[in-house]
């Protein structure tokens, strides 16, 4: 099973159009290796996410790097989903208040 260090990250106040980088730490808490099938973002135009590994050994951690570039103002709620071992997934969320 993949366990993130946080399921939801609050980015606070951000400026419209300026990229913001952050990361989640993901740990394999199972006794078997986990194969990452894909990383999906809820907003393809404003969010990029990449995981440094495609195979995570038992007890091992990996960083999911995320870059969010706000394309609208106000409260933003976005998601990143990691699909693994063909049928399982974990959804991570982040929020921000975007100002001009």
C-alpha atoms as a PDB file:
ATOM      1  CA  UNK A   1       0.000   0.000   0.000  1.00  0.00           C
ATOM      2  CA  UNK A   2       1.215   3.501  -0.777  1.00  0.00           C
ATOM      3  CA  UNK A   3       0.991   5.928   2.134  1.00  0.00           C
ATOM      4  CA  UNK A   4       1.608   9.645   1.593  1.00  0.00           C
ATOM      5  CA  UNK A   5       3.098  11.863   4.294  1.00  0.00           C
ATOM      6  CA  UNK A   6       0.007  14.078   3.766  1.00  0.00           C
ATOM      7  CA  UNK A   7      -3.242  13.493   1.901  1.00  0.00           C
ATOM      8  CA  UNK A   8      -4.011  17.225   1.639  1.00  0.00           C
ATOM      9  CA  UNK A   9      -1.536  20.106   1.390  1.00  0.00           C
ATOM     10  CA  UNK A  10      -2.608  23.708   1.873  1.00  0.00           C
ATOM     11  CA  UNK A  11      -0.425  26.007  -0.216  1.00  0.00           C
ATOM     12  CA  UNK A  12      -1.886  29.176   1.322  1.00  0.00           C
ATOM     13  CA  UNK A  13      -1.968  32.397  -0.708  1.00  0.00           C
ATOM     14  CA  UNK A  14      -0.432  32.241  -4.190  1.00  0.00           C
ATOM     15  CA  UNK A  15      -0.048  34.741  -7.011  1.00  0.00           C
ATOM     16  CA  UNK A  16      -1.928  34.169 -10.274  1.00  0.00           C
ATOM     17  CA  UNK A  17       0.244  32.784 -13.100  1.00  0.00           C
ATOM     18  CA  UNK A  18       3.351  32.113 -11.005  1.00  0.00           C
ATOM     19  CA  UNK A  19       4.524  28.477 -10.715  1.00  0.00           C
ATOM     20  CA  UNK A  20       4.749  26.949  -7.253  1.00  0.00           C
ATOM     21  CA  UNK A  21       6.684  23.711  -6.562  1.00  0.00           C
ATOM     22  CA  UNK A  22       6.044  21.312  -3.710  1.00  0.00           C
ATOM     23  CA  UNK A  23       6.223  17.582  -3.017  1.00  0.00           C
ATOM     24  CA  UNK A  24       4.549  14.686  -1.304  1.00  0.00           C
ATOM     25  CA  UNK A  25       6.571  11.851   0.178  1.00  0.00           C
ATOM     26  CA  UNK A  26       5.092   8.438  -0.644  1.00  0.00           C
ATOM     27  CA  UNK A  27       6.029   5.279   1.267  1.00  0.00           C
ATOM     28  CA  UNK A  28       5.461   1.627   0.371  1.00  0.00           C
ATOM     29  CA  UNK A  29       4.063   0.172   3.604  1.00  0.00           C
ATOM     30  CA  UNK A  30       3.430  -3.290   2.123  1.00  0.00           C
ATOM     31  CA  UNK A  31       5.671  -6.354   2.086  1.00  0.00           C
ATOM     32  CA  UNK A  32       5.826  -6.396  -1.729  1.00  0.00           C
ATOM     33  CA  UNK A  33       7.262  -4.085  -4.382  1.00  0.00           C
ATOM     34  CA  UNK A  34       4.788  -1.591  -5.847  1.00  0.00           C
ATOM     35  CA  UNK A  35       4.741  -0.763  -9.543  1.00  0.00           C
ATOM     36  CA  UNK A  36       3.569   2.725 -10.442  1.00  0.00           C
ATOM     37  CA  UNK A  37       1.357   2.607 -13.527  1.00  0.00           C
ATOM     38  CA  UNK A  38       0.616   6.308 -13.923  1.00  0.00           C
ATOM     39  CA  UNK A  39       0.337   9.663 -12.241  1.00  0.00           C
ATOM     40  CA  UNK A  40      -2.788  11.610 -13.189  1.00  0.00           C
ATOM     41  CA  UNK A  41      -3.504  15.276 -12.502  1.00  0.00           C
ATOM     42  CA  UNK A  42      -6.991  16.750 -12.213  1.00  0.00           C
ATOM     43  CA  UNK A  43      -5.977  19.883 -14.122  1.00  0.00           C
ATOM     44  CA  UNK A  44      -3.678  19.185 -17.047  1.00  0.00           C
ATOM     45  CA  UNK A  45      -3.241  22.852 -17.927  1.00  0.00           C
ATOM     46  CA  UNK A  46      -2.213  24.068 -14.450  1.00  0.00           C
ATOM     47  CA  UNK A  47      -0.625  21.055 -12.731  1.00  0.00           C
ATOM     48  CA  UNK A  48       2.361  18.848 -13.568  1.00  0.00           C
ATOM     49  CA  UNK A  49       3.350  15.912 -11.366  1.00  0.00           C
ATOM     50  CA  UNK A  50       6.132  13.357 -11.602  1.00  0.00           C
ATOM     51  CA  UNK A  51       7.234  10.495  -9.406  1.00  0.00           C
ATOM     52  CA  UNK A  52      10.966   9.806  -9.318  1.00  0.00           C
ATOM     53  CA  UNK A  53      10.527   6.013  -9.404  1.00  0.00           C
ATOM     54  CA  UNK A  54       8.291   3.512 -11.178  1.00  0.00           C
ATOM     55  CA  UNK A  55       9.085   0.681  -8.741  1.00  0.00           C
ATOM     56  CA  UNK A  56       9.031   1.239  -4.977  1.00  0.00           C
ATOM     57  CA  UNK A  57      10.425  -1.525  -2.767  1.00  0.00           C
ATOM     58  CA  UNK A  58       8.882  -2.458   0.609  1.00  0.00           C
ATOM     59  CA  UNK A  59       9.641   0.241   3.191  1.00  0.00           C
ATOM     60  CA  UNK A  60      11.076   2.574   0.554  1.00  0.00           C
ATOM     61  CA  UNK A  61       9.986   6.182   0.040  1.00  0.00           C
ATOM     62  CA  UNK A  62       9.736   8.242  -3.142  1.00  0.00           C
ATOM     63  CA  UNK A  63       8.993  11.902  -3.787  1.00  0.00           C
ATOM     64  CA  UNK A  64       6.095  13.037  -5.936  1.00  0.00           C
ATOM     65  CA  UNK A  65       7.137  16.417  -7.337  1.00  0.00           C
ATOM     66  CA  UNK A  66       4.291  18.786  -8.216  1.00  0.00           C
ATOM     67  CA  UNK A  67       4.307  22.142 -10.005  1.00  0.00           C
ATOM     68  CA  UNK A  68       1.105  24.182  -9.816  1.00  0.00           C
ATOM     69  CA  UNK A  69       0.690  27.289 -11.979  1.00  0.00           C
ATOM     70  CA  UNK A  70      -2.616  28.955 -11.068  1.00  0.00           C
ATOM     71  CA  UNK A  71      -4.688  29.884 -14.105  1.00  0.00           C
ATOM     72  CA  UNK A  72      -7.573  31.470 -12.222  1.00  0.00           C
ATOM     73  CA  UNK A  73      -8.118  33.385  -9.007  1.00  0.00           C
ATOM     74  CA  UNK A  74      -9.989  32.434  -5.856  1.00  0.00           C
ATOM     75  CA  UNK A  75     -10.027  29.190  -3.912  1.00  0.00           C
ATOM     76  CA  UNK A  76      -8.416  26.342  -5.869  1.00  0.00           C
ATOM     77  CA  UNK A  77      -8.802  22.656  -4.999  1.00  0.00           C
ATOM     78  CA  UNK A  78      -6.841  20.205  -7.149  1.00  0.00           C
ATOM     79  CA  UNK A  79      -6.026  16.494  -7.092  1.00  0.00           C
ATOM     80  CA  UNK A  80      -3.201  14.179  -8.134  1.00  0.00           C
ATOM     81  CA  UNK A  81      -3.871  10.446  -8.345  1.00  0.00           C
ATOM     82  CA  UNK A  82      -1.210   7.730  -8.348  1.00  0.00           C
ATOM     83  CA  UNK A  83      -2.348   4.487  -9.957  1.00  0.00           C
ATOM     84  CA  UNK A  84      -0.315   1.447  -8.928  1.00  0.00           C
ATOM     85  CA  UNK A  85      -0.257  -2.356  -9.202  1.00  0.00           C
ATOM     86  CA  UNK A  86      -2.784  -2.086 -12.074  1.00  0.00           C
ATOM     87  CA  UNK A  87      -5.898  -1.799  -9.876  1.00  0.00           C
ATOM     88  CA  UNK A  88      -5.059   0.369  -6.872  1.00  0.00           C
ATOM     89  CA  UNK A  89      -4.763   4.124  -6.463  1.00  0.00           C
ATOM     90  CA  UNK A  90      -4.203   6.873  -3.932  1.00  0.00           C
ATOM     91  CA  UNK A  91      -5.591  10.397  -4.365  1.00  0.00           C
ATOM     92  CA  UNK A  92      -3.740  13.405  -3.043  1.00  0.00           C
ATOM     93  CA  UNK A  93      -5.213  16.883  -2.870  1.00  0.00           C
ATOM     94  CA  UNK A  94      -3.953  20.417  -2.544  1.00  0.00           C
ATOM     95  CA  UNK A  95      -5.621  23.748  -2.012  1.00  0.00           C
ATOM     96  CA  UNK A  96      -4.623  27.364  -2.509  1.00  0.00           C
ATOM     97  CA  UNK A  97      -6.130  30.824  -2.516  1.00  0.00           C
ATOM     98  CA  UNK A  98      -4.981  32.581  -5.680  1.00  0.00           C
ATOM     99  CA  UNK A  99      -4.789  36.368  -5.901  1.00  0.00           C
ATOM    100  CA  UNK A 100      -3.931  38.621  -8.845  1.00  0.00           C
END
